[in-house]
N, C-alpha and C. Protein backbone atom coordinates (compact mmCIF):
# COMPACT_ATOMS: atom_id res chain seq x y z
N MET A 1 -16.13 17.61 -20.01
CA MET A 1 -15.13 17.36 -19.75
C MET A 1 -14.54 17.28 -18.38
N ALA A 2 -14.40 16.52 -17.38
CA ALA A 2 -13.87 16.99 -16.22
C ALA A 2 -12.32 16.93 -16.20
N PRO A 3 -12.16 18.14 -15.05
CA PRO A 3 -10.86 18.63 -14.54
C PRO A 3 -10.28 17.41 -14.81
N GLU A 4 -8.32 18.20 -14.91
CA GLU A 4 -7.81 16.51 -15.23
C GLU A 4 -7.51 17.01 -13.06
N GLN A 5 -7.39 16.11 -12.75
CA GLN A 5 -6.59 15.27 -11.36
C GLN A 5 -5.55 15.76 -11.30
N THR A 6 -4.59 16.46 -10.42
CA THR A 6 -3.10 16.53 -9.94
C THR A 6 -3.34 16.34 -7.99
N ILE A 7 -1.35 16.13 -7.92
CA ILE A 7 -0.87 15.45 -6.90
C ILE A 7 -0.42 16.62 -6.24
N GLY A 8 -0.24 16.50 -5.18
CA GLY A 8 1.09 17.52 -4.42
C GLY A 8 2.18 16.72 -4.36
N VAL A 9 3.25 17.33 -4.75
CA VAL A 9 4.79 16.16 -4.47
C VAL A 9 5.95 17.40 -3.98
N GLU A 10 6.67 16.56 -3.46
CA GLU A 10 7.70 17.08 -2.93
C GLU A 10 9.11 16.98 -3.56
N VAL A 11 9.96 17.66 -3.99
CA VAL A 11 11.17 16.93 -4.65
C VAL A 11 12.58 17.49 -3.69
N VAL A 12 13.19 16.90 -3.49
CA VAL A 12 14.40 17.45 -2.29
C VAL A 12 15.40 16.98 -2.75
N TYR A 13 16.50 18.11 -2.14
CA TYR A 13 18.09 17.67 -3.17
C TYR A 13 18.88 18.20 -2.40
N ALA A 14 19.22 17.36 -1.15
CA ALA A 14 20.39 18.38 -0.45
C ALA A 14 22.06 18.51 -0.68
N ARG A 15 22.67 19.63 -0.65
CA ARG A 15 23.78 19.91 -0.89
C ARG A 15 24.74 20.36 -0.02
N PRO A 16 25.86 20.20 0.70
CA PRO A 16 26.64 20.54 1.37
C PRO A 16 26.24 22.33 2.22
N GLU A 17 26.06 22.59 1.81
CA GLU A 17 25.71 23.87 1.72
C GLU A 17 24.20 24.30 2.15
N LYS A 18 22.91 23.42 1.96
CA LYS A 18 22.09 23.92 1.80
C LYS A 18 20.83 22.88 0.99
N GLN A 19 19.48 22.82 1.81
CA GLN A 19 18.47 21.94 1.47
C GLN A 19 17.50 22.00 0.55
N ILE A 20 16.85 21.61 -0.82
CA ILE A 20 16.59 22.55 -1.80
C ILE A 20 15.67 21.89 -1.46
N VAL A 21 14.16 22.47 -1.23
CA VAL A 21 13.22 21.62 -1.32
C VAL A 21 11.50 22.31 -2.58
N ILE A 22 11.57 21.43 -3.33
CA ILE A 22 11.14 21.96 -4.33
C ILE A 22 8.84 21.57 -4.29
N ALA A 23 8.21 22.14 -3.93
CA ALA A 23 6.76 21.62 -4.05
C ALA A 23 6.06 22.19 -5.02
N LEU A 24 5.60 20.39 -6.14
CA LEU A 24 4.75 20.51 -7.23
C LEU A 24 3.59 20.51 -7.64
N SER A 25 3.23 20.73 -8.20
CA SER A 25 1.84 20.02 -8.40
C SER A 25 1.83 19.08 -10.16
N MET A 26 1.37 18.13 -9.87
CA MET A 26 1.72 17.29 -11.25
C MET A 26 0.42 16.17 -11.46
N PRO A 27 0.37 16.01 -12.52
CA PRO A 27 -0.49 15.43 -13.42
C PRO A 27 -0.76 14.31 -12.90
N ALA A 28 -2.36 13.44 -11.72
CA ALA A 28 -2.35 12.46 -11.72
C ALA A 28 -1.71 11.48 -12.65
N GLY A 29 -0.82 10.89 -12.50
CA GLY A 29 -0.36 9.52 -13.38
C GLY A 29 0.93 9.91 -13.86
N SER A 30 1.75 11.08 -12.68
CA SER A 30 2.97 11.19 -12.90
C SER A 30 4.20 10.69 -12.83
N THR A 31 5.46 10.17 -13.15
CA THR A 31 6.03 9.68 -12.59
C THR A 31 7.59 9.94 -11.76
N VAL A 32 8.13 9.40 -11.28
CA VAL A 32 8.66 10.30 -10.10
C VAL A 32 9.88 11.04 -11.05
N ARG A 33 10.68 10.24 -12.39
CA ARG A 33 11.24 11.16 -13.20
C ARG A 33 10.53 12.04 -13.84
N GLU A 34 9.59 12.25 -14.10
CA GLU A 34 8.89 13.51 -14.99
C GLU A 34 8.74 14.74 -13.38
N ALA A 35 9.02 14.20 -11.95
CA ALA A 35 8.60 15.44 -10.94
C ALA A 35 10.01 16.07 -10.99
N VAL A 36 11.15 14.79 -11.26
CA VAL A 36 12.64 15.11 -11.22
C VAL A 36 12.96 16.34 -12.29
N ASP A 37 12.55 15.67 -13.35
CA ASP A 37 12.74 16.69 -14.51
C ASP A 37 11.71 18.02 -14.31
N ARG A 38 11.00 18.41 -13.89
CA ARG A 38 10.48 19.83 -13.46
C ARG A 38 11.24 20.28 -12.41
N ALA A 39 11.54 19.64 -11.56
CA ALA A 39 12.37 20.27 -10.08
C ALA A 39 13.81 20.63 -11.15
N ALA A 40 14.00 19.73 -11.81
CA ALA A 40 15.52 20.40 -12.46
C ALA A 40 15.34 21.67 -13.41
N LEU A 41 14.43 21.67 -14.16
CA LEU A 41 14.30 22.66 -14.91
C LEU A 41 13.85 24.46 -14.25
N GLN A 42 13.04 23.94 -12.63
CA GLN A 42 12.83 25.23 -11.77
C GLN A 42 14.20 25.67 -11.20
N THR A 43 15.37 24.67 -10.82
CA THR A 43 16.32 24.98 -10.49
C THR A 43 17.67 25.10 -10.70
N SER A 44 17.54 24.55 -12.22
CA SER A 44 18.81 24.33 -13.19
C SER A 44 20.00 24.00 -12.33
N LEU A 45 19.49 22.76 -11.99
CA LEU A 45 20.15 21.91 -11.56
C LEU A 45 20.46 20.43 -12.49
N ALA A 46 21.10 20.65 -13.63
CA ALA A 46 21.06 19.80 -14.63
C ALA A 46 21.31 17.99 -14.26
N GLU A 47 22.29 18.55 -13.02
CA GLU A 47 22.63 16.87 -12.15
C GLU A 47 21.47 16.26 -11.49
N LEU A 48 20.56 17.11 -11.45
CA LEU A 48 19.32 16.07 -10.99
C LEU A 48 18.56 14.85 -11.57
N GLN A 49 19.01 15.06 -12.90
CA GLN A 49 18.52 14.48 -13.55
C GLN A 49 19.40 13.19 -13.83
N GLN A 50 20.44 13.17 -13.71
CA GLN A 50 21.05 11.41 -14.01
C GLN A 50 21.26 11.32 -12.23
N ALA A 51 20.99 11.62 -11.32
CA ALA A 51 20.79 11.06 -9.91
C ALA A 51 19.94 9.77 -9.19
N PRO A 52 20.61 8.97 -8.95
CA PRO A 52 19.14 8.13 -7.62
C PRO A 52 18.24 8.56 -7.74
N VAL A 53 17.57 8.41 -7.39
CA VAL A 53 16.25 8.69 -6.60
C VAL A 53 15.14 7.94 -5.76
N GLY A 54 14.92 8.23 -4.74
CA GLY A 54 13.99 7.45 -3.71
C GLY A 54 12.49 8.08 -3.31
N ILE A 55 11.28 7.48 -2.33
CA ILE A 55 10.82 8.02 -2.17
C ILE A 55 10.87 7.78 -0.65
N TYR A 56 10.65 8.58 -0.19
CA TYR A 56 10.83 8.89 1.51
C TYR A 56 11.86 7.67 2.28
N GLY A 57 13.03 7.62 1.20
CA GLY A 57 14.13 6.79 1.27
C GLY A 57 14.17 5.07 1.09
N ARG A 58 13.23 5.20 0.44
CA ARG A 58 13.49 3.58 -0.06
C ARG A 58 13.92 4.15 -1.75
N LEU A 59 14.74 3.33 -2.17
CA LEU A 59 15.12 3.62 -3.48
C LEU A 59 13.96 3.41 -4.89
N VAL A 60 13.46 3.82 -5.88
CA VAL A 60 13.28 3.58 -6.79
C VAL A 60 13.68 3.78 -8.18
N THR A 61 12.76 3.47 -8.62
CA THR A 61 13.55 4.13 -10.55
C THR A 61 12.39 5.02 -10.77
N GLY A 62 12.67 5.24 -11.88
CA GLY A 62 11.96 6.88 -12.54
C GLY A 62 10.60 6.67 -12.97
N ASP A 63 10.53 5.40 -13.25
CA ASP A 63 8.97 4.91 -13.73
C ASP A 63 8.22 4.39 -13.36
N VAL A 64 8.66 4.59 -11.67
CA VAL A 64 7.25 4.44 -10.62
C VAL A 64 6.69 5.65 -10.54
N LEU A 65 5.17 5.87 -10.30
CA LEU A 65 4.02 6.26 -10.10
C LEU A 65 3.63 7.42 -9.24
N LEU A 66 3.65 8.41 -8.93
CA LEU A 66 3.77 9.67 -7.86
C LEU A 66 2.17 8.61 -7.33
N ARG A 67 2.11 9.32 -6.26
CA ARG A 67 0.68 9.45 -5.27
C ARG A 67 0.90 11.19 -4.44
N ASP A 68 -0.40 10.85 -4.16
CA ASP A 68 -0.10 12.63 -3.55
C ASP A 68 0.57 12.40 -2.07
N GLY A 69 1.18 13.25 -2.12
CA GLY A 69 1.61 13.27 -0.72
C GLY A 69 3.80 13.25 -0.92
N ASP A 70 3.59 12.47 -2.05
CA ASP A 70 5.07 11.88 -2.49
C ASP A 70 5.87 12.87 -2.04
N ARG A 71 6.94 12.17 -1.84
CA ARG A 71 8.34 13.12 -1.17
C ARG A 71 9.82 12.27 -1.56
N VAL A 72 9.81 12.61 -2.90
CA VAL A 72 10.98 12.49 -3.84
C VAL A 72 12.51 13.02 -3.47
N GLU A 73 13.49 11.84 -3.27
CA GLU A 73 14.58 12.17 -2.43
C GLU A 73 15.85 12.01 -3.87
N ILE A 74 16.19 13.08 -4.24
CA ILE A 74 17.37 13.25 -5.12
C ILE A 74 18.65 12.84 -4.38
N TYR A 75 19.15 11.22 -4.67
CA TYR A 75 20.48 11.09 -3.37
C TYR A 75 22.21 11.98 -4.37
N ARG A 76 22.61 12.44 -3.94
CA ARG A 76 23.75 12.92 -4.36
C ARG A 76 25.02 11.33 -4.31
N PRO A 77 26.11 11.27 -5.01
CA PRO A 77 27.15 10.42 -4.54
C PRO A 77 28.03 10.84 -3.37
N LEU A 78 27.93 8.77 -2.58
CA LEU A 78 28.73 9.35 -1.37
C LEU A 78 30.03 9.69 -1.52
N LEU A 79 30.94 10.83 -0.55
CA LEU A 79 32.22 10.86 -0.62
C LEU A 79 32.89 10.00 0.10
N ALA A 80 32.37 9.41 0.52
CA ALA A 80 33.42 8.04 0.55
C ALA A 80 32.78 7.04 1.68
N ASP A 81 33.10 5.88 1.39
CA ASP A 81 31.77 4.82 1.42
C ASP A 81 32.52 4.68 3.34
N ALA A 82 31.48 4.25 3.69
CA ALA A 82 31.31 4.30 5.22
C ALA A 82 31.94 3.14 6.15
N LYS A 83 31.98 2.13 5.71
CA LYS A 83 32.32 1.06 6.22
C LYS A 83 33.95 1.74 5.99
N GLN A 84 34.39 1.62 4.75
CA GLN A 84 36.12 1.70 4.77
C GLN A 84 36.64 2.75 5.67
N ALA A 85 35.50 4.18 6.13
CA ALA A 85 35.82 5.31 6.84
C ALA A 85 35.83 4.62 7.91
N ARG A 86 35.61 3.82 8.27
CA ARG A 86 34.98 3.48 9.57
C ARG A 86 36.37 2.26 9.83
N HIS A 87 36.77 1.40 9.08
CA HIS A 87 37.78 0.41 9.45
C HIS A 87 39.22 1.70 8.76
N ARG A 88 39.04 2.87 8.80
CA ARG A 88 40.31 4.13 8.79
C ARG A 88 40.54 4.47 10.10
N ARG A 89 39.38 4.50 10.22
CA ARG A 89 39.24 5.24 11.83
C ARG A 89 39.75 4.02 13.01
N ALA A 90 39.60 2.96 13.09
CA ALA A 90 39.48 1.94 13.73
C ALA A 90 41.28 1.79 13.69
N ALA A 91 42.05 1.68 12.60
CA ALA A 91 43.11 1.48 12.52
C ALA A 91 43.95 2.37 13.03
N ARG A 92 43.39 3.73 13.24
CA ARG A 92 43.69 4.96 13.59
C ARG A 92 43.60 5.03 15.60
N GLY A 93 42.75 4.16 15.59
CA GLY A 93 42.58 4.19 16.94
C GLY A 93 41.04 4.06 17.57
N LEU A 94 40.45 5.07 16.21
CA LEU A 94 39.68 5.90 16.74
C LEU A 94 37.85 5.63 16.24
N LYS A 95 36.60 5.69 17.56
CA LYS A 95 36.01 5.02 17.06
C LYS A 95 34.70 5.85 16.13
C-alpha cells in the first residue's frame, strides 16, 4: 500500500492588528474549504469558515482542489466601499 501523498499549503487571514499565517500539510485532493476548516480549528477563529476565500488574490469557491504550494487567502468584509470613500473625499476637496 502506497503512503498517502500530501501537499503543503498556507492559509492566511489579515486582521487590523496582525496577519495570521498557518502552514498546513493536507492530503492530496483536499479542497479550499477543508484547509480553511482545519485552519479555523487551529486558531479558534470560527468567522473564518463563513468568509469569502481566494488563492493568490483570485476569488474561488470552497470546493476548488488545492495544489502544492497554494496560498489560501481568507477575506474580511470591507469597512467602507472604496468608490464611495473616493466620492466623499472628492466632495470635501481631497484626493
